[in-house]
Amino acid sequence: MRFDGKILLVTGAGSGIGRAMATGFAARGGRVAAADVNAANLATLAEEIAASGGVVQTIVSDLSLPAAADGMIAQAMDRFGRIDVLHNNAFGLPPDLQRGRLAKVGDIVDEVWDYTMQVGLTALMQATRRVIPIMLAQGGGSIVNTASISGQFGDFGIGAYNAMKAAVINFTKTTAIEYASDNIRCNCICPGMIETALFRNSMKIPGFTDAALAAVPAGRLGQPEEMANVAMFLASDLASYVTGAAFVADGGLTAQTGVPTRFRNG
């Protein structure tokens, strides 16, 4: 799987799945426009890609701001002149909203809901809307969104996140059917429990880590690189007939009926 001559724009590139996508794409011959709100993380990423002989442009972009998506795409186009792959991946809550992240529906804080929808859904729509005319003009492209198994099923206490990721899945499908005849494919990955900074915040809850690992048939958390591998497949020509897919990568978590995995060998 190679991306020679291809341009990737990836959001949330400073850490986790976005960072793995940026480094993996560059290692396979592609050039990368890496966007993130954290300038320090972007600088470290750029150093790593450059040290390996790759080409990267960093774009400091705060997708909680309504105009950020347009500016981000404009910067990528100014540098590379085309965008072959858009990976809408960014999501995270600032420290002042972390305390309200876990809440039952009756206790959801408006600020958490609004931020979740803006960064995880509205900015994704804005970036997609902006990139489609570019891809139409160049004859096609691939859009990969980071959704979640939390968009397919309910989770206790993260209703805003569940609603946002469910919308990402359906928006992916709608985009796919509207532009399939224009050689623009749109798919999403649905990660399970992946060892990222966002998930590590959940692991601070007493007993959560053991319970999480017990629920996963694979017996471990997924790694960002494993999710990036799926995203790169969907972005590549190997997936030329794949569009509208919500590709689950969760170590078998959602394949089961709910019987505790500790009995799987019994």
C-alpha atoms as a PDB file:
ATOM      1  CA  MET A   1       0.000   0.000   0.000  1.00  0.00           C
ATOM      2  CA  ARG A   2       1.635   3.199  -1.246  1.00  0.00           C
ATOM      3  CA  PHE A   3       0.536   6.829  -1.426  1.00  0.00           C
ATOM      4  CA  ASP A   4       3.216   8.249  -3.716  1.00  0.00           C
ATOM      5  CA  GLY A   5       2.128  11.642  -5.015  1.00  0.00           C
ATOM      6  CA  LYS A   6      -0.949  11.731  -2.769  1.00  0.00           C
ATOM      7  CA  ILE A   7      -1.818  14.480  -0.308  1.00  0.00           C
ATOM      8  CA  LEU A   8      -3.424  13.766   3.062  1.00  0.00           C
ATOM      9  CA  LEU A   9      -5.083  16.330   5.305  1.00  0.00           C
ATOM     10  CA  VAL A  10      -5.619  14.861   8.763  1.00  0.00           C
ATOM     11  CA  THR A  11      -7.165  16.620  11.747  1.00  0.00           C
ATOM     12  CA  GLY A  12      -6.237  15.812  15.318  1.00  0.00           C
ATOM     13  CA  ALA A  13      -2.812  14.923  13.975  1.00  0.00           C
ATOM     14  CA  GLY A  14      -0.883  15.800  17.118  1.00  0.00           C
ATOM     15  CA  SER A  15      -1.647  12.605  18.996  1.00  0.00           C
ATOM     16  CA  GLY A  16      -3.393   9.256  18.932  1.00  0.00           C
ATOM     17  CA  ILE A  17      -4.969   7.944  15.749  1.00  0.00           C
ATOM     18  CA  GLY A  18      -4.355  11.177  13.821  1.00  0.00           C
ATOM     19  CA  ARG A  19      -0.657  11.113  14.600  1.00  0.00           C
ATOM     20  CA  ALA A  20      -0.390   7.462  13.566  1.00  0.00           C
ATOM     21  CA  MET A  21      -2.245   8.249  10.343  1.00  0.00           C
ATOM     22  CA  ALA A  22       0.115  11.123   9.539  1.00  0.00           C
ATOM     23  CA  THR A  23       3.299   9.128  10.144  1.00  0.00           C
ATOM     24  CA  GLY A  24       1.976   6.027   8.393  1.00  0.00           C
ATOM     25  CA  PHE A  25       0.865   7.939   5.306  1.00  0.00           C
ATOM     26  CA  ALA A  26       4.195   9.783   5.088  1.00  0.00           C
ATOM     27  CA  ALA A  27       6.125   6.532   5.488  1.00  0.00           C
ATOM     28  CA  ARG A  28       4.262   5.185   2.463  1.00  0.00           C
ATOM     29  CA  GLY A  29       5.295   8.007   0.175  1.00  0.00           C
ATOM     30  CA  GLY A  30       2.462  10.474   0.735  1.00  0.00           C
ATOM     31  CA  ARG A  31       2.704  14.115   1.746  1.00  0.00           C
ATOM     32  CA  VAL A  32       0.847  15.293   4.804  1.00  0.00           C
ATOM     33  CA  ALA A  33      -0.972  18.412   5.943  1.00  0.00           C
ATOM     34  CA  ALA A  34      -1.234  17.798   9.686  1.00  0.00           C
ATOM     35  CA  ALA A  35      -3.736  19.899  11.634  1.00  0.00           C
ATOM     36  CA  ASP A  36      -4.141  20.092  15.384  1.00  0.00           C
ATOM     37  CA  VAL A  37      -4.899  22.605  18.115  1.00  0.00           C
ATOM     38  CA  ASN A  38      -1.659  21.730  19.951  1.00  0.00           C
ATOM     39  CA  ALA A  39       1.319  23.458  18.308  1.00  0.00           C
ATOM     40  CA  ALA A  40       3.898  21.626  20.437  1.00  0.00           C
ATOM     41  CA  ASN A  41       2.553  18.214  19.441  1.00  0.00           C
ATOM     42  CA  LEU A  42       2.590  19.251  15.786  1.00  0.00           C
ATOM     43  CA  ALA A  43       6.208  20.361  16.046  1.00  0.00           C
ATOM     44  CA  THR A  44       7.225  16.984  17.445  1.00  0.00           C
ATOM     45  CA  LEU A  45       5.299  15.206  14.690  1.00  0.00           C
ATOM     46  CA  ALA A  46       6.927  17.339  12.000  1.00  0.00           C
ATOM     47  CA  GLU A  47      10.389  16.546  13.335  1.00  0.00           C
ATOM     48  CA  GLU A  48       9.672  12.816  13.244  1.00  0.00           C
ATOM     49  CA  ILE A  49       8.291  12.836   9.711  1.00  0.00           C
ATOM     50  CA  ALA A  50      11.089  15.045   8.412  1.00  0.00           C
ATOM     51  CA  ALA A  51      13.733  12.855  10.057  1.00  0.00           C
ATOM     52  CA  SER A  52      12.327   9.908   8.114  1.00  0.00           C
ATOM     53  CA  GLY A  53      12.496  11.804   4.827  1.00  0.00           C
ATOM     54  CA  GLY A  54       8.792  12.610   4.669  1.00  0.00           C
ATOM     55  CA  VAL A  55       7.062  15.846   3.702  1.00  0.00           C
ATOM     56  CA  VAL A  56       4.687  17.530   6.138  1.00  0.00           C
ATOM     57  CA  GLN A  57       3.061  20.893   6.653  1.00  0.00           C
ATOM     58  CA  THR A  58       1.715  21.633  10.121  1.00  0.00           C
ATOM     59  CA  ILE A  59      -1.471  23.661  10.552  1.00  0.00           C
ATOM     60  CA  VAL A  60      -2.421  24.935  13.990  1.00  0.00           C
ATOM     61  CA  SER A  61      -6.204  24.869  13.898  1.00  0.00           C
ATOM     62  CA  ASP A  62      -8.795  25.118  16.670  1.00  0.00           C
ATOM     63  CA  LEU A  63     -11.860  23.383  15.254  1.00  0.00           C
ATOM     64  CA  SER A  64     -14.025  24.673  18.097  1.00  0.00           C
ATOM     65  CA  LEU A  65     -14.034  27.932  16.115  1.00  0.00           C
ATOM     66  CA  PRO A  66     -16.601  28.029  13.276  1.00  0.00           C
ATOM     67  CA  ALA A  67     -14.213  29.447  10.656  1.00  0.00           C
ATOM     68  CA  ALA A  68     -11.319  27.106  11.450  1.00  0.00           C
ATOM     69  CA  ALA A  69     -12.160  24.329   8.982  1.00  0.00           C
ATOM     70  CA  ASP A  70     -12.174  26.657   5.968  1.00  0.00           C
ATOM     71  CA  GLY A  71      -8.875  28.217   7.015  1.00  0.00           C
ATOM     72  CA  MET A  72      -7.290  24.810   7.578  1.00  0.00           C
ATOM     73  CA  ILE A  73      -8.211  23.581   4.099  1.00  0.00           C
ATOM     74  CA  ALA A  74      -7.073  26.837   2.527  1.00  0.00           C
ATOM     75  CA  GLN A  75      -3.628  26.422   4.129  1.00  0.00           C
ATOM     76  CA  ALA A  76      -3.340  22.849   2.881  1.00  0.00           C
ATOM     77  CA  MET A  77      -4.290  23.916  -0.635  1.00  0.00           C
ATOM     78  CA  ASP A  78      -1.852  26.830  -0.588  1.00  0.00           C
ATOM     79  CA  ARG A  79       0.976  24.400   0.189  1.00  0.00           C
ATOM     80  CA  PHE A  80       0.075  21.341  -1.888  1.00  0.00           C
ATOM     81  CA  GLY A  81      -2.519  22.454  -4.437  1.00  0.00           C
ATOM     82  CA  ARG A  82      -4.706  19.366  -3.967  1.00  0.00           C
ATOM     83  CA  ILE A  83      -6.150  17.103  -1.284  1.00  0.00           C
ATOM     84  CA  ASP A  84      -6.490  13.430  -2.165  1.00  0.00           C
ATOM     85  CA  VAL A  85      -7.430  12.161   1.288  1.00  0.00           C
ATOM     86  CA  LEU A  86      -9.240  13.969   4.080  1.00  0.00           C
ATOM     87  CA  HIS A  87      -9.182  12.228   7.438  1.00  0.00           C
ATOM     88  CA  ASN A  88     -11.627  13.925   9.798  1.00  0.00           C
ATOM     89  CA  ASN A  89     -10.298  12.651  13.085  1.00  0.00           C
ATOM     90  CA  ALA A  90     -10.124  15.498  15.606  1.00  0.00           C
ATOM     91  CA  PHE A  91     -11.907  15.323  18.923  1.00  0.00           C
ATOM     92  CA  GLY A  92     -11.137  16.166  22.512  1.00  0.00           C
ATOM     93  CA  LEU A  93     -12.422  18.280  25.372  1.00  0.00           C
ATOM     94  CA  PRO A  94     -10.419  21.115  26.933  1.00  0.00           C
ATOM     95  CA  PRO A  95      -9.472  20.758  30.621  1.00  0.00           C
ATOM     96  CA  ASP A  96     -12.213  23.114  31.831  1.00  0.00           C
ATOM     97  CA  LEU A  97     -14.871  20.805  30.362  1.00  0.00           C
ATOM     98  CA  GLN A  98     -13.395  17.478  31.454  1.00  0.00           C
ATOM     99  CA  ARG A  99     -15.357  17.397  34.706  1.00  0.00           C
ATOM    100  CA  GLY A 100     -18.627  17.519  32.789  1.00  0.00           C
ATOM    101  CA  ARG A 101     -17.651  14.840  30.275  1.00  0.00           C
ATOM    102  CA  LEU A 102     -19.183  11.954  32.210  1.00  0.00           C
ATOM    103  CA  ALA A 103     -22.841  12.682  32.883  1.00  0.00           C
ATOM    104  CA  LYS A 104     -26.189  10.962  32.618  1.00  0.00           C
ATOM    105  CA  VAL A 105     -28.559  12.511  30.081  1.00  0.00           C
ATOM    106  CA  GLY A 106     -30.370  14.470  32.756  1.00  0.00           C
ATOM    107  CA  ASP A 107     -27.099  16.057  33.826  1.00  0.00           C
ATOM    108  CA  ILE A 108     -25.508  16.904  30.460  1.00  0.00           C
ATOM    109  CA  VAL A 109     -23.948  20.356  30.552  1.00  0.00           C
ATOM    110  CA  ASP A 110     -24.755  22.587  27.582  1.00  0.00           C
ATOM    111  CA  GLU A 111     -21.117  23.615  27.174  1.00  0.00           C
ATOM    112  CA  VAL A 112     -19.984  19.986  26.896  1.00  0.00           C
ATOM    113  CA  TRP A 113     -22.757  19.171  24.408  1.00  0.00           C
ATOM    114  CA  ASP A 114     -22.031  22.239  22.259  1.00  0.00           C
ATOM    115  CA  TYR A 115     -18.265  21.682  22.221  1.00  0.00           C
ATOM    116  CA  THR A 116     -18.689  17.982  21.439  1.00  0.00           C
ATOM    117  CA  MET A 117     -20.963  18.703  18.500  1.00  0.00           C
ATOM    118  CA  GLN A 118     -18.849  21.560  17.130  1.00  0.00           C
ATOM    119  CA  VAL A 119     -15.505  19.768  17.148  1.00  0.00           C
ATOM    120  CA  GLY A 120     -16.686  16.225  16.491  1.00  0.00           C
ATOM    121  CA  LEU A 121     -19.506  16.838  14.012  1.00  0.00           C
ATOM    122  CA  THR A 122     -19.942  20.396  12.747  1.00  0.00           C
ATOM    123  CA  ALA A 123     -16.248  20.913  11.979  1.00  0.00           C
ATOM    124  CA  LEU A 124     -16.235  17.531  10.223  1.00  0.00           C
ATOM    125  CA  MET A 125     -19.148  18.660   8.077  1.00  0.00           C
ATOM    126  CA  GLN A 126     -17.470  21.997   7.375  1.00  0.00           C
ATOM    127  CA  ALA A 127     -14.219  20.347   6.284  1.00  0.00           C
ATOM    128  CA  THR A 128     -16.080  17.828   4.126  1.00  0.00           C
ATOM    129  CA  ARG A 129     -18.205  20.547   2.543  1.00  0.00           C
ATOM    130  CA  ARG A 130     -15.096  22.554   1.733  1.00  0.00           C
ATOM    131  CA  VAL A 131     -13.081  19.642   0.328  1.00  0.00           C
ATOM    132  CA  ILE A 132     -15.758  18.184  -1.953  1.00  0.00           C
ATOM    133  CA  PRO A 133     -15.454  20.890  -4.666  1.00  0.00           C
ATOM    134  CA  ILE A 134     -11.684  20.368  -4.590  1.00  0.00           C
ATOM    135  CA  MET A 135     -12.049  16.620  -5.077  1.00  0.00           C
ATOM    136  CA  LEU A 136     -14.659  17.113  -7.797  1.00  0.00           C
ATOM    137  CA  ALA A 137     -12.288  19.383  -9.692  1.00  0.00           C
ATOM    138  CA  GLN A 138      -9.372  16.940  -9.443  1.00  0.00           C
ATOM    139  CA  GLY A 139     -11.430  13.900 -10.416  1.00  0.00           C
ATOM    140  CA  GLY A 140     -11.987  12.208  -7.092  1.00  0.00           C
ATOM    141  CA  GLY A 141     -10.690  11.574  -3.618  1.00  0.00           C
ATOM    142  CA  SER A 142     -11.238   9.707  -0.398  1.00  0.00           C
ATOM    143  CA  ILE A 143     -12.732  10.903   2.890  1.00  0.00           C
ATOM    144  CA  VAL A 144     -12.225   8.870   6.044  1.00  0.00           C
ATOM    145  CA  ASN A 145     -13.999   9.886   9.248  1.00  0.00           C
ATOM    146  CA  THR A 146     -13.181   8.659  12.720  1.00  0.00           C
ATOM    147  CA  ALA A 147     -16.451   7.499  14.241  1.00  0.00           C
ATOM    148  CA  SER A 148     -16.673   4.947  17.069  1.00  0.00           C
ATOM    149  CA  ILE A 149     -18.501   1.852  18.214  1.00  0.00           C
ATOM    150  CA  SER A 150     -20.066   4.382  20.602  1.00  0.00           C
ATOM    151  CA  GLY A 151     -21.919   5.666  17.556  1.00  0.00           C
ATOM    152  CA  GLN A 152     -23.482   2.240  17.053  1.00  0.00           C
ATOM    153  CA  PHE A 153     -24.379   1.421  20.648  1.00  0.00           C
ATOM    154  CA  GLY A 154     -25.148   3.272  23.864  1.00  0.00           C
ATOM    155  CA  ASP A 155     -22.675   3.920  26.663  1.00  0.00           C
ATOM    156  CA  PHE A 156     -23.566   4.887  30.194  1.00  0.00           C
ATOM    157  CA  GLY A 157     -22.690   8.494  30.948  1.00  0.00           C
ATOM    158  CA  ILE A 158     -21.391   9.802  27.606  1.00  0.00           C
ATOM    159  CA  GLY A 159     -24.592  10.629  25.765  1.00  0.00           C
ATOM    160  CA  ALA A 160     -23.158  13.666  23.988  1.00  0.00           C
ATOM    161  CA  TYR A 161     -20.289  11.609  22.590  1.00  0.00           C
ATOM    162  CA  ASN A 162     -22.649   8.777  21.577  1.00  0.00           C
ATOM    163  CA  ALA A 163     -24.960  11.161  19.738  1.00  0.00           C
ATOM    164  CA  MET A 164     -22.090  12.871  17.952  1.00  0.00           C
ATOM    165  CA  LYS A 165     -20.461   9.648  16.768  1.00  0.00           C
ATOM    166  CA  ALA A 166     -23.802   8.230  15.600  1.00  0.00           C
ATOM    167  CA  ALA A 167     -24.283  11.353  13.510  1.00  0.00           C
ATOM    168  CA  VAL A 168     -20.771  10.944  12.054  1.00  0.00           C
ATOM    169  CA  ILE A 169     -21.666   7.433  10.858  1.00  0.00           C
ATOM    170  CA  ASN A 170     -24.859   8.560   9.162  1.00  0.00           C
ATOM    171  CA  PHE A 171     -23.216  11.650   7.676  1.00  0.00           C
ATOM    172  CA  THR A 172     -20.544   9.348   6.258  1.00  0.00           C
ATOM    173  CA  LYS A 173     -23.160   7.181   4.558  1.00  0.00           C
ATOM    174  CA  THR A 174     -25.003  10.171   3.116  1.00  0.00           C
ATOM    175  CA  THR A 175     -21.799  11.684   1.749  1.00  0.00           C
ATOM    176  CA  ALA A 176     -20.885   8.332   0.215  1.00  0.00           C
ATOM    177  CA  ILE A 177     -24.104   7.859  -1.729  1.00  0.00           C
ATOM    178  CA  GLU A 178     -24.247  11.459  -2.914  1.00  0.00           C
ATOM    179  CA  TYR A 179     -20.740  11.450  -4.413  1.00  0.00           C
ATOM    180  CA  ALA A 180     -20.067   7.826  -5.349  1.00  0.00           C
ATOM    181  CA  SER A 181     -20.619   8.559  -9.042  1.00  0.00           C
ATOM    182  CA  ASP A 182     -18.049  11.374  -8.817  1.00  0.00           C
ATOM    183  CA  ASN A 183     -15.262   9.026  -7.719  1.00  0.00           C
ATOM    184  CA  ILE A 184     -15.330  10.416  -4.170  1.00  0.00           C
ATOM    185  CA  ARG A 185     -15.463   7.692  -1.562  1.00  0.00           C
ATOM    186  CA  CYS A 186     -16.436   8.309   2.066  1.00  0.00           C
ATOM    187  CA  ASN A 187     -16.010   5.761   4.843  1.00  0.00           C
ATOM    188  CA  CYS A 188     -15.536   5.790   8.576  1.00  0.00           C
ATOM    189  CA  ILE A 189     -13.631   3.740  11.094  1.00  0.00           C
ATOM    190  CA  CYS A 190     -15.368   2.688  14.296  1.00  0.00           C
ATOM    191  CA  PRO A 191     -12.663   2.061  16.879  1.00  0.00           C
ATOM    192  CA  GLY A 192     -13.322   0.282  20.118  1.00  0.00           C
ATOM    193  CA  MET A 193     -11.199   0.869  23.196  1.00  0.00           C
ATOM    194  CA  ILE A 194      -7.969   2.353  21.884  1.00  0.00           C
ATOM    195  CA  GLU A 195      -5.007   3.463  23.979  1.00  0.00           C
ATOM    196  CA  THR A 196      -5.155   7.195  23.287  1.00  0.00           C
ATOM    197  CA  ALA A 197      -4.990  10.242  25.549  1.00  0.00           C
ATOM    198  CA  LEU A 198      -8.774  10.562  25.364  1.00  0.00           C
ATOM    199  CA  PHE A 199      -9.279   6.974  26.490  1.00  0.00           C
ATOM    200  CA  ARG A 200      -6.589   7.208  29.167  1.00  0.00           C
ATOM    201  CA  ASN A 201      -8.729   9.822  30.911  1.00  0.00           C
ATOM    202  CA  SER A 202     -11.423   7.163  31.292  1.00  0.00           C
ATOM    203  CA  MET A 203      -8.859   4.689  32.614  1.00  0.00           C
ATOM    204  CA  LYS A 204      -8.329   6.914  35.660  1.00  0.00           C
ATOM    205  CA  ILE A 205     -11.728   5.809  36.984  1.00  0.00           C
ATOM    206  CA  PRO A 206     -11.084   3.153  39.695  1.00  0.00           C
ATOM    207  CA  GLY A 207     -11.558  -0.352  38.318  1.00  0.00           C
ATOM    208  CA  PHE A 208     -12.259   0.819  34.769  1.00  0.00           C
ATOM    209  CA  THR A 209      -9.135  -0.625  33.155  1.00  0.00           C
ATOM    210  CA  ASP A 210      -9.655  -4.141  34.480  1.00  0.00           C
ATOM    211  CA  ALA A 211     -13.328  -4.105  33.511  1.00  0.00           C
ATOM    212  CA  ALA A 212     -12.511  -2.805  30.030  1.00  0.00           C
ATOM    213  CA  LEU A 213      -9.881  -5.433  29.351  1.00  0.00           C
ATOM    214  CA  ALA A 214     -12.172  -8.179  30.637  1.00  0.00           C
ATOM    215  CA  ALA A 215     -14.817  -7.134  28.111  1.00  0.00           C
ATOM    216  CA  VAL A 216     -12.556  -7.320  25.040  1.00  0.00           C
ATOM    217  CA  PRO A 217     -12.129 -10.802  23.542  1.00  0.00           C
ATOM    218  CA  ALA A 218      -8.680  -9.828  22.255  1.00  0.00           C
ATOM    219  CA  GLY A 219      -7.694  -9.205  25.876  1.00  0.00           C
ATOM    220  CA  ARG A 220      -6.007  -5.860  25.255  1.00  0.00           C
ATOM    221  CA  LEU A 221      -6.577  -2.290  24.177  1.00  0.00           C
ATOM    222  CA  GLY A 222      -6.096  -1.391  20.536  1.00  0.00           C
ATOM    223  CA  GLN A 223      -3.214   0.815  19.448  1.00  0.00           C
ATOM    224  CA  PRO A 224      -3.530   4.021  17.397  1.00  0.00           C
ATOM    225  CA  GLU A 225      -1.345   2.496  14.679  1.00  0.00           C
ATOM    226  CA  GLU A 226      -3.828  -0.349  14.254  1.00  0.00           C
ATOM    227  CA  MET A 227      -6.629   2.147  13.659  1.00  0.00           C
ATOM    228  CA  ALA A 228      -4.469   4.136  11.248  1.00  0.00           C
ATOM    229  CA  ASN A 229      -3.842   0.947   9.276  1.00  0.00           C
ATOM    230  CA  VAL A 230      -7.591   0.552   8.785  1.00  0.00           C
ATOM    231  CA  ALA A 231      -7.972   4.214   7.844  1.00  0.00           C
ATOM    232  CA  MET A 232      -5.129   3.963   5.332  1.00  0.00           C
ATOM    233  CA  PHE A 233      -6.718   0.909   3.738  1.00  0.00           C
ATOM    234  CA  LEU A 234      -9.994   2.794   3.333  1.00  0.00           C
ATOM    235  CA  ALA A 235      -8.117   5.771   1.898  1.00  0.00           C
ATOM    236  CA  SER A 236      -6.142   3.654  -0.553  1.00  0.00           C
ATOM    237  CA  ASP A 237      -6.888   2.272  -3.996  1.00  0.00           C
ATOM    238  CA  LEU A 238      -7.124  -1.175  -2.392  1.00  0.00           C
ATOM    239  CA  ALA A 239     -10.557  -0.046  -1.172  1.00  0.00           C
ATOM    240  CA  SER A 240     -11.647   1.341  -4.543  1.00  0.00           C
ATOM    241  CA  TYR A 241     -15.100  -0.298  -4.318  1.00  0.00           C
ATOM    242  CA  VAL A 242     -15.643   0.503  -0.643  1.00  0.00           C
ATOM    243  CA  THR A 243     -17.788   3.521   0.184  1.00  0.00           C
ATOM    244  CA  GLY A 244     -20.354   4.198   2.878  1.00  0.00           C
ATOM    245  CA  ALA A 245     -18.785   1.644   5.197  1.00  0.00           C
ATOM    246  CA  ALA A 246     -18.588   1.910   8.968  1.00  0.00           C
ATOM    247  CA  PHE A 247     -15.555  -0.295   9.540  1.00  0.00           C
ATOM    248  CA  VAL A 248     -15.417  -1.722  13.076  1.00  0.00           C
ATOM    249  CA  ALA A 249     -12.014  -2.338  14.667  1.00  0.00           C
ATOM    250  CA  ASP A 250     -12.596  -3.243  18.303  1.00  0.00           C
ATOM    251  CA  GLY A 251     -10.847  -6.502  19.166  1.00  0.00           C
ATOM    252  CA  GLY A 252     -14.141  -8.368  18.987  1.00  0.00           C
ATOM    253  CA  LEU A 253     -15.917  -6.241  21.607  1.00  0.00           C
ATOM    254  CA  THR A 254     -19.156  -5.753  19.664  1.00  0.00           C
ATOM    255  CA  ALA A 255     -19.174  -9.250  18.145  1.00  0.00           C
ATOM    256  CA  GLN A 256     -20.383 -10.826  21.366  1.00  0.00           C
ATOM    257  CA  THR A 257     -23.725 -11.224  23.097  1.00  0.00           C
ATOM    258  CA  GLY A 258     -22.617  -9.764  26.391  1.00  0.00           C
ATOM    259  CA  VAL A 259     -21.516 -12.945  28.147  1.00  0.00           C
ATOM    260  CA  PRO A 260     -18.372 -12.040  30.135  1.00  0.00           C
ATOM    261  CA  THR A 261     -15.238 -12.836  28.167  1.00  0.00           C
ATOM    262  CA  ARG A 262     -13.662 -14.598  31.138  1.00  0.00           C
ATOM    263  CA  PHE A 263     -15.885 -17.552  30.226  1.00  0.00           C
ATOM    264  CA  ARG A 264     -14.803 -17.617  26.597  1.00  0.00           C
ATOM    265  CA  ASN A 265     -12.570 -20.677  27.097  1.00  0.00           C
ATOM    266  CA  GLY A 266     -15.138 -22.528  29.162  1.00  0.00           C
END
